[in-house]
Amino acid sequence: MHLETILARQEQVLDKARALQEKDDFTPGDQTRFDALMDEANKLAQQAANYRRLNGLSDPADALAVANQANGFYGDVSITRQPATYKNLGEQMMDVMEMTLDGRGAPRARERYQQVVNAAGGNTGTPSEGGYLVETDKAADIATTAIQTGVFSSRCSIQPIGPNADSYSYLAADDRDRSDGKINGVSVYRKGEADTMQDGGKAKLNERELRLEDLYGLVYVTNRMLRDAPAMAAYTKRVLRQQLSFRLDKEIWEGNGAGQCLGVTKSDLPVTVAKETSQTAGTINATNVVKMMGRFRGNLRSAAWFVNQDCLTQFPLMTIGDKPVYTPDFRGNPFGALFSLPIVPVEFCATLGSLGDIVLADWSEYLLITKGGVEEAESIHVKFLTDETAFRFIMRNNGQPLHDKPITPLNGSNTLSPFVMLAARTE
């Protein structure tokens, strides 16, 4: 079947659904037929998308992104004055409840929800799990603020994923071991006039893939709050932002990589600096810090010291000779800096004296993939005895370090990394 035929058939099905929707005496039988028509329309939309993929065609909904890419522009474009279906997230949450319970307001709620689907490109239906696509501007607000709020996630390299993809593959140069004088498996020579050009070797590239995984947020609201859409919207966005960013940061730090982000501390990329001989337990000294700097290989402009709050008392009196290595900065960075790199206390770091209590890190060396859109599902029976309703929100993302191991330099016995830790000092 040709693309034009598929699209024409889809439009016919949608016209029938619109005719049903406009009936004044909308019956349960009409609802069944309406749902069947929408399912058929969504299947045709997927068939059209498959046809485009198979034949190398672009989706008209992606025309702006394709044009930007052709002109070398990869920034974000905000379309203003686009009419919104809902005034706020709370109004859509009320509609989700109506559709879930199939209440008196369900037909009108489904009509509004279909406007959201159409605005998203007309090919996003209700998934089998019972999720509903959150309106674009509200979804972007939730997803963006969750990432920007995170201590780690806000510093990562962000890679958006397109609508027809569920993973991201990239080629990483196999240049981590430079001890043989070759970088990425390629040698470079100078050739004399009569010399024969030598074989430089083959470029070594490792393909690395990162698949999207679902991250769930569950929000409980009281039935009284359900009657106040603005209050429910503000509350939901606030608690989602806090909890989603916390969970994402925790995974970026120590996730096991199985259905979630691979955390830096669970990867092979960090290097560990040994403690000093006879160093007192539960201390951090200037020599530790200097040696950590010596093992660091990353962008110093984006690097920082990430420490447990218990470590803060170790820095203000730290000196080399009579020169302080700690500098206070009560305006720009209230916790000061070591060697001009800011100190950032985070609760994910281990307590003072343990491995991971202080980490010198450049988080731009961590890749975080995200896919636009947030889905929402409602469960009226959860917490029913306490007069509460649960709304589940789903974001899709994943992350891992850009590289899988430290760098072995041409000369020198120490490996280098954008993530440097200090060994435990417990004895």
Protein backbone atom coordinates (compact mmCIF):
# COMPACT_ATOMS: atom_id res chain seq x y z
CA MET A 1 0.00 0.00 0.00
CA HIS A 2 1.39 3.41 -1.01
CA LEU A 3 1.88 6.20 1.54
CA GLU A 4 -0.84 8.36 -0.02
CA THR A 5 -3.33 5.51 0.30
CA ILE A 6 -2.42 4.92 3.94
CA LEU A 7 -2.81 8.62 4.81
CA ALA A 8 -6.10 8.88 2.92
CA ARG A 9 -7.46 5.86 4.77
CA GLN A 10 -6.32 7.33 8.08
CA GLU A 11 -8.13 10.60 7.34
CA GLN A 12 -11.33 8.71 6.49
CA VAL A 13 -11.17 6.84 9.79
CA LEU A 14 -10.59 10.09 11.71
CA ASP A 15 -13.55 11.72 9.93
CA LYS A 16 -15.77 8.90 11.16
CA ALA A 17 -14.43 9.34 14.68
CA ARG A 18 -15.10 13.09 14.55
CA ALA A 19 -18.65 12.47 13.37
CA LEU A 20 -19.25 10.17 16.33
CA GLN A 21 -17.67 12.65 18.71
CA GLU A 22 -20.05 15.42 17.63
CA LYS A 23 -23.20 13.41 18.44
CA ASP A 24 -25.35 14.86 21.20
CA ASP A 25 -26.62 11.45 22.36
CA PHE A 26 -23.22 9.74 22.68
CA THR A 27 -23.94 6.17 23.83
CA PRO A 28 -21.70 3.43 25.24
CA GLY A 29 -21.92 1.73 21.86
CA ASP A 30 -20.68 4.94 20.24
CA GLN A 31 -17.79 4.95 22.66
CA THR A 32 -16.84 1.40 21.65
CA ARG A 33 -16.93 2.34 17.96
CA PHE A 34 -14.97 5.54 18.65
CA ASP A 35 -12.22 3.61 20.47
CA ALA A 36 -12.03 1.09 17.63
CA LEU A 37 -11.70 3.88 15.06
CA MET A 38 -8.94 5.57 17.06
CA ASP A 39 -7.08 2.25 17.35
CA GLU A 40 -7.35 1.80 13.58
CA ALA A 41 -6.15 5.38 12.98
CA ASN A 42 -3.14 4.83 15.22
CA LYS A 43 -2.25 1.59 13.43
CA LEU A 44 -2.42 3.41 10.09
CA ALA A 45 -0.21 6.16 11.48
CA GLN A 46 2.35 3.57 12.55
CA GLN A 47 2.11 1.94 9.11
CA ALA A 48 2.82 5.32 7.52
CA ALA A 49 5.81 5.84 9.82
CA ASN A 50 7.17 2.41 8.86
CA TYR A 51 6.76 3.24 5.19
CA ARG A 52 8.77 6.46 5.64
CA ARG A 53 11.54 4.65 7.51
CA LEU A 54 11.76 1.92 4.89
CA ASN A 55 11.92 4.40 2.01
CA GLY A 56 14.12 7.04 3.65
CA LEU A 57 11.36 9.66 3.87
CA SER A 58 10.99 12.30 6.55
CA ASP A 59 7.86 12.78 8.61
CA PRO A 60 6.28 16.20 7.85
CA ALA A 61 6.02 16.69 11.60
CA ASP A 62 9.84 16.62 11.71
CA ALA A 63 10.25 19.12 8.88
CA LEU A 64 11.51 21.90 11.14
CA ALA A 65 14.14 19.68 12.75
CA VAL A 66 15.29 18.36 9.35
CA ALA A 67 15.59 21.89 7.99
CA ASN A 68 17.55 23.03 11.03
CA GLN A 69 19.92 20.06 10.74
CA ALA A 70 20.49 20.77 7.05
CA ASN A 71 21.48 24.31 7.95
CA GLY A 72 23.75 23.22 10.76
CA PHE A 73 21.48 24.36 13.59
CA TYR A 74 21.03 22.01 16.54
CA GLY A 75 19.50 24.33 19.14
CA ASP A 76 16.06 24.30 20.66
CA VAL A 77 13.24 26.10 18.88
CA SER A 78 10.25 27.31 20.88
CA ILE A 79 7.00 27.84 18.96
CA THR A 80 5.11 30.62 20.69
CA ARG A 81 1.40 31.46 20.56
CA GLN A 82 0.48 27.84 19.92
CA PRO A 83 -2.93 27.39 21.53
CA ALA A 84 -2.83 25.08 24.54
CA THR A 85 -5.58 22.57 25.20
CA TYR A 86 -5.25 22.89 28.98
CA LYS A 87 -4.53 25.94 31.10
CA ASN A 88 -2.30 23.91 33.40
CA LEU A 89 -1.23 20.36 34.21
CA GLY A 90 -3.96 20.05 36.85
CA GLU A 91 -6.72 20.36 34.25
CA GLN A 92 -5.25 17.50 32.23
CA MET A 93 -4.91 15.37 35.37
CA MET A 94 -8.64 15.86 35.97
CA ASP A 95 -9.36 14.72 32.41
CA VAL A 96 -7.18 11.67 32.92
CA MET A 97 -9.28 10.73 35.92
CA GLU A 98 -12.49 11.16 33.94
CA MET A 99 -11.20 8.96 31.11
CA THR A 100 -9.97 6.30 33.56
CA LEU A 101 -13.27 6.15 35.43
CA ASP A 102 -15.33 6.66 32.25
CA GLY A 103 -17.36 9.27 34.09
CA ARG A 104 -19.88 11.76 32.76
CA GLY A 105 -17.12 14.07 31.58
CA ALA A 106 -15.22 11.29 29.77
CA PRO A 107 -16.40 12.11 26.19
CA ARG A 108 -15.36 15.75 26.53
CA ALA A 109 -12.09 14.68 28.21
CA ARG A 110 -11.32 12.33 25.32
CA GLU A 111 -12.02 15.12 22.85
CA ARG A 112 -9.52 17.38 24.57
CA TYR A 113 -6.98 14.57 24.84
CA GLN A 114 -7.28 13.90 21.11
CA GLN A 115 -6.27 17.53 20.52
CA VAL A 116 -3.10 16.83 22.49
CA VAL A 117 -2.45 13.72 20.39
CA ASN A 118 -3.04 15.63 17.14
CA ALA A 119 -0.67 18.41 18.26
CA ALA A 120 1.99 15.74 18.88
CA GLY A 121 1.81 14.60 15.25
CA GLY A 122 -1.36 12.55 15.18
CA ASN A 123 0.39 9.21 15.67
CA THR A 124 0.58 8.91 19.46
CA GLY A 125 -2.20 6.86 20.95
CA THR A 126 -2.88 5.56 24.40
CA PRO A 127 -0.26 2.90 25.18
CA SER A 128 -1.22 -0.53 26.44
CA GLU A 129 -0.17 0.40 29.99
CA GLY A 130 -2.90 3.02 30.16
CA GLY A 131 -0.66 6.08 29.89
CA TYR A 132 -1.75 9.42 28.45
CA LEU A 133 0.59 11.79 26.69
CA VAL A 134 1.07 14.98 28.70
CA GLU A 135 0.59 18.14 26.64
CA THR A 136 3.84 19.23 25.01
CA ASP A 137 4.56 22.42 26.94
CA LYS A 138 3.69 20.82 30.31
CA ALA A 139 5.76 17.72 29.51
CA ALA A 140 8.77 19.82 28.50
CA ASP A 141 8.47 21.77 31.73
CA ILE A 142 8.50 18.59 33.85
CA ALA A 143 11.33 16.86 31.97
CA THR A 144 13.54 19.94 31.60
CA THR A 145 13.23 21.13 35.19
CA ALA A 146 13.87 17.61 36.51
CA ILE A 147 17.17 17.44 34.63
CA GLN A 148 18.17 21.04 35.31
CA THR A 149 17.48 20.65 39.02
CA GLY A 150 19.82 17.67 39.37
CA VAL A 151 23.32 18.28 40.68
CA PHE A 152 24.80 15.74 38.25
CA SER A 153 22.20 15.57 35.46
CA SER A 154 22.38 19.33 34.87
CA ARG A 155 26.12 18.98 34.16
CA CYS A 156 25.94 15.93 31.85
CA SER A 157 26.17 15.90 28.07
CA ILE A 158 22.53 15.69 26.95
CA GLN A 159 21.58 13.81 23.78
CA PRO A 160 17.91 14.08 22.69
CA ILE A 161 16.42 11.04 20.92
CA GLY A 162 14.09 11.39 17.94
CA PRO A 163 10.45 10.24 17.85
CA ASN A 164 11.15 7.06 15.88
CA ALA A 165 14.11 5.82 17.96
CA ASP A 166 14.43 4.09 21.30
CA SER A 167 18.24 4.01 21.55
CA TYR A 168 21.35 5.99 20.69
CA SER A 169 24.51 4.51 19.15
CA TYR A 170 27.81 6.33 18.84
CA LEU A 171 31.36 5.48 17.84
CA ALA A 172 33.92 5.95 20.60
CA ALA A 173 37.56 6.10 19.57
CA ASP A 174 39.56 3.21 21.01
CA ASP A 175 42.33 5.58 22.12
CA ARG A 176 42.41 4.97 25.85
CA ASP A 177 45.80 3.21 25.73
CA ARG A 178 48.45 5.48 24.19
CA SER A 179 51.49 3.71 25.59
CA ASP A 180 52.50 2.41 22.12
CA GLY A 181 52.53 5.88 20.59
CA LYS A 182 49.39 5.28 18.57
CA ILE A 183 46.15 7.16 19.10
CA ASN A 184 43.01 5.42 17.89
CA GLY A 185 45.19 2.74 16.30
CA VAL A 186 46.71 5.23 13.84
CA SER A 187 50.39 6.23 13.66
CA VAL A 188 51.57 9.46 12.00
CA TYR A 189 54.98 9.70 10.26
CA ARG A 190 57.07 12.25 8.42
CA LYS A 191 58.27 10.98 5.05
CA GLY A 192 61.69 11.82 3.61
CA GLU A 193 62.07 12.47 -0.14
CA ALA A 194 63.22 8.95 -1.02
CA ASP A 195 61.59 7.05 1.85
CA THR A 196 58.74 4.62 1.42
CA MET A 197 55.53 5.63 3.18
CA GLN A 198 54.88 3.30 6.13
CA ASP A 199 51.57 1.72 6.98
CA GLY A 200 49.94 3.89 9.64
CA GLY A 201 47.50 1.27 10.89
CA LYS A 202 43.72 1.14 10.95
CA ALA A 203 41.42 3.38 12.93
CA LYS A 204 39.86 1.58 15.88
CA LEU A 205 36.32 2.58 16.75
CA ASN A 206 34.08 0.95 19.33
CA GLU A 207 30.32 1.20 18.84
CA ARG A 208 28.52 1.95 22.08
CA GLU A 209 24.74 1.84 22.40
CA LEU A 210 22.45 3.28 25.03
CA ARG A 211 18.78 2.28 25.14
CA LEU A 212 16.02 4.35 26.65
CA GLU A 213 14.53 3.10 29.91
CA ASP A 214 11.36 4.22 31.70
CA LEU A 215 11.67 6.31 34.87
CA TYR A 216 8.45 6.42 36.89
CA GLY A 217 7.21 9.08 39.27
CA LEU A 218 4.16 8.39 41.47
CA VAL A 219 2.27 11.39 42.87
CA TYR A 220 -0.53 11.11 45.45
CA VAL A 221 -3.14 13.87 45.60
CA THR A 222 -6.16 14.19 47.87
CA ASN A 223 -9.66 14.33 46.46
CA ARG A 224 -9.95 17.89 47.75
CA MET A 225 -6.91 18.85 45.69
CA LEU A 226 -8.52 17.22 42.64
CA ARG A 227 -11.07 20.03 42.71
CA ASP A 228 -8.36 22.70 42.50
CA ALA A 229 -6.52 22.36 39.18
CA PRO A 230 -3.96 25.19 39.66
CA ALA A 231 -2.97 23.94 43.12
CA MET A 232 -2.69 20.35 41.87
CA ALA A 233 -0.56 21.47 38.91
CA ALA A 234 1.87 23.42 41.11
CA TYR A 235 2.12 20.61 43.67
CA THR A 236 2.64 17.92 41.03
CA LYS A 237 5.37 19.79 39.17
CA ARG A 238 7.19 20.61 42.42
CA VAL A 239 7.26 17.08 43.82
CA LEU A 240 7.99 15.48 40.45
CA ARG A 241 10.90 17.83 39.85
CA GLN A 242 12.39 16.97 43.24
CA GLN A 243 11.89 13.21 43.11
CA LEU A 244 12.76 12.63 39.44
CA SER A 245 15.95 14.70 39.70
CA PHE A 246 16.98 12.91 42.92
CA ARG A 247 16.48 9.46 41.40
CA LEU A 248 18.26 10.41 38.18
CA ASP A 249 21.25 11.80 40.08
CA LYS A 250 21.40 8.69 42.26
CA GLU A 251 21.53 6.46 39.19
CA ILE A 252 24.15 8.65 37.49
CA TRP A 253 26.25 8.24 40.63
CA GLU A 254 25.73 4.55 41.47
CA GLY A 255 23.23 2.94 39.07
CA ASN A 256 23.94 -0.67 38.09
CA GLY A 257 23.16 -0.22 34.37
CA ALA A 258 20.45 -2.92 34.35
CA GLY A 259 17.26 -1.14 33.25
CA GLN A 260 18.70 2.12 34.61
CA CYS A 261 21.67 4.45 34.18
CA LEU A 262 25.16 3.05 34.64
CA GLY A 263 26.60 5.05 37.50
CA VAL A 264 30.12 6.43 37.38
CA THR A 265 31.09 4.68 40.61
CA LYS A 266 29.90 1.33 39.19
CA SER A 267 31.86 1.75 35.94
CA ASP A 268 35.54 1.14 35.17
CA LEU A 269 36.23 4.77 34.25
CA PRO A 270 37.21 6.33 37.64
CA VAL A 271 40.76 6.14 38.98
CA THR A 272 41.60 5.99 42.70
CA VAL A 273 44.42 7.84 44.44
CA ALA A 274 45.98 6.01 47.38
CA LYS A 275 46.03 7.55 50.84
CA GLU A 276 49.27 8.79 52.37
CA THR A 277 51.41 6.54 54.54
CA SER A 278 50.34 6.82 58.19
CA GLN A 279 47.53 9.20 57.22
CA THR A 280 45.09 9.74 60.05
CA ALA A 281 41.76 8.03 59.56
CA GLY A 282 38.87 10.25 58.51
CA THR A 283 40.99 13.06 57.06
CA ILE A 284 41.66 14.73 53.70
CA ASN A 285 44.98 16.57 53.35
CA ALA A 286 46.60 18.83 50.77
CA THR A 287 48.75 16.02 49.39
CA ASN A 288 45.61 13.98 48.64
CA VAL A 289 44.15 16.86 46.69
CA VAL A 290 47.37 17.55 44.74
CA LYS A 291 47.68 13.90 43.73
CA MET A 292 44.04 13.79 42.65
CA MET A 293 44.70 16.78 40.40
CA GLY A 294 47.65 14.87 38.94
CA ARG A 295 45.39 11.98 37.88
CA PHE A 296 42.67 14.16 36.36
CA ARG A 297 42.11 14.26 32.60
CA GLY A 298 39.07 16.31 31.63
CA ASN A 299 37.79 19.82 31.08
CA LEU A 300 38.90 21.94 34.04
CA ARG A 301 36.36 24.62 33.12
CA SER A 302 33.48 22.25 33.92
CA ALA A 303 35.22 20.22 36.66
CA ALA A 304 34.42 20.48 40.37
CA TRP A 305 35.05 18.74 43.69
CA PHE A 306 32.00 16.74 44.79
CA VAL A 307 32.13 15.93 48.49
CA ASN A 308 30.06 14.68 51.37
CA GLN A 309 28.90 17.44 53.71
CA ASP A 310 31.07 15.90 56.45
CA CYS A 311 34.19 16.79 54.43
CA LEU A 312 33.66 20.55 54.43
CA THR A 313 35.55 21.08 57.69
CA GLN A 314 38.71 19.60 56.12
CA PHE A 315 39.28 22.36 53.57
CA PRO A 316 39.42 25.89 55.09
CA LEU A 317 42.75 25.31 56.92
CA MET A 318 44.37 23.27 54.12
CA THR A 319 47.72 24.71 52.96
CA ILE A 320 50.87 23.85 50.99
CA GLY A 321 53.69 25.42 52.94
CA ASP A 322 52.24 28.74 54.00
CA LYS A 323 49.99 29.05 50.93
CA PRO A 324 46.29 28.18 51.23
CA VAL A 325 44.81 25.91 48.59
CA TYR A 326 41.26 26.71 49.72
CA THR A 327 39.64 29.99 48.70
CA PRO A 328 36.26 31.14 50.03
CA ASP A 329 33.76 32.63 47.60
CA PHE A 330 30.64 33.58 49.51
CA ARG A 331 28.85 34.98 46.46
CA GLY A 332 29.61 32.73 43.50
CA ASN A 333 30.14 29.50 45.42
CA PRO A 334 29.37 29.61 49.15
CA PHE A 335 31.34 26.41 49.86
CA GLY A 336 34.55 27.79 48.39
CA ALA A 337 37.08 26.24 46.01
CA LEU A 338 40.17 24.04 45.98
CA PHE A 339 42.76 25.11 43.41
CA SER A 340 40.08 27.42 42.00
CA LEU A 341 37.72 24.50 41.30
CA PRO A 342 34.38 24.80 43.12
CA ILE A 343 33.41 22.53 46.01
CA VAL A 344 29.93 21.02 45.70
CA PRO A 345 28.53 19.06 48.67
CA VAL A 346 26.22 16.20 47.65
CA GLU A 347 24.54 13.54 49.74
CA PHE A 348 25.48 10.80 47.27
CA CYS A 349 29.15 10.94 48.28
CA ALA A 350 30.24 8.55 51.03
CA THR A 351 30.91 9.84 54.54
CA LEU A 352 34.32 11.28 55.47
CA GLY A 353 37.13 8.71 55.35
CA SER A 354 35.36 6.30 52.96
CA LEU A 355 36.05 5.70 49.29
CA GLY A 356 33.96 8.23 47.38
CA ASP A 357 33.83 10.95 50.05
CA ILE A 358 35.60 13.33 47.66
CA VAL A 359 35.55 13.06 43.85
CA LEU A 360 37.11 15.36 41.27
CA ALA A 361 34.73 15.07 38.32
CA ASP A 362 33.95 16.47 34.89
CA TRP A 363 30.34 15.44 34.25
CA SER A 364 30.46 16.52 30.60
CA GLU A 365 32.13 13.11 30.14
CA TYR A 366 28.84 11.44 31.08
CA LEU A 367 26.20 10.92 28.37
CA LEU A 368 22.52 11.29 29.26
CA ILE A 369 19.97 10.47 26.57
CA THR A 370 16.40 11.74 26.82
CA LYS A 371 13.24 11.41 24.76
CA GLY A 372 10.72 14.20 24.72
CA GLY A 373 7.30 13.73 26.20
CA VAL A 374 5.93 12.58 29.51
CA GLU A 375 3.11 10.06 29.84
CA GLU A 376 0.61 10.08 32.66
CA ALA A 377 -1.64 7.38 34.08
CA GLU A 378 -4.14 7.50 36.94
CA SER A 379 -5.18 4.85 39.46
CA ILE A 380 -8.23 5.81 41.51
CA HIS A 381 -8.09 2.71 43.73
CA VAL A 382 -4.61 3.35 45.09
CA LYS A 383 -4.80 4.82 48.62
CA PHE A 384 -8.61 4.70 48.34
CA LEU A 385 -9.06 4.26 52.10
CA THR A 386 -7.16 7.49 52.73
CA ASP A 387 -9.16 9.42 50.13
CA GLU A 388 -6.22 9.81 47.77
CA THR A 389 -5.61 9.30 44.06
CA ALA A 390 -2.30 8.29 42.52
CA PHE A 391 -0.99 9.69 39.24
CA ARG A 392 1.96 7.98 37.60
CA PHE A 393 4.27 9.92 35.28
CA ILE A 394 6.74 8.24 32.94
CA MET A 395 9.92 9.81 31.54
CA ARG A 396 12.28 8.01 29.17
CA ASN A 397 16.01 8.43 29.58
CA ASN A 398 19.24 6.58 30.31
CA GLY A 399 22.90 7.36 30.82
CA GLN A 400 26.44 6.03 30.96
CA PRO A 401 30.01 7.40 30.95
CA LEU A 402 31.16 8.36 27.46
CA HIS A 403 34.17 6.03 27.78
CA ASP A 404 34.57 2.64 29.39
CA LYS A 405 38.06 2.92 30.89
CA PRO A 406 40.73 5.46 31.91
CA ILE A 407 43.52 6.72 29.64
CA THR A 408 46.95 5.09 29.75
CA PRO A 409 49.33 7.90 28.65
CA LEU A 410 52.34 7.55 26.35
CA ASN A 411 54.71 8.19 29.26
CA GLY A 412 54.01 7.75 32.94
CA SER A 413 52.79 4.93 35.12
CA ASN A 414 49.48 6.47 36.27
CA THR A 415 46.22 6.18 34.37
CA LEU A 416 44.14 9.34 33.92
CA SER A 417 40.40 9.92 34.09
CA PRO A 418 37.71 12.64 34.24
CA PHE A 419 36.58 11.02 37.52
CA VAL A 420 39.17 10.78 40.31
CA MET A 421 38.44 9.33 43.75
CA LEU A 422 40.41 9.11 46.99
CA ALA A 423 40.97 5.70 48.60
CA ALA A 424 39.42 4.93 51.97
CA ARG A 425 41.10 6.29 55.13
CA THR A 426 39.43 4.21 57.81
CA GLU A 427 42.51 2.94 59.65
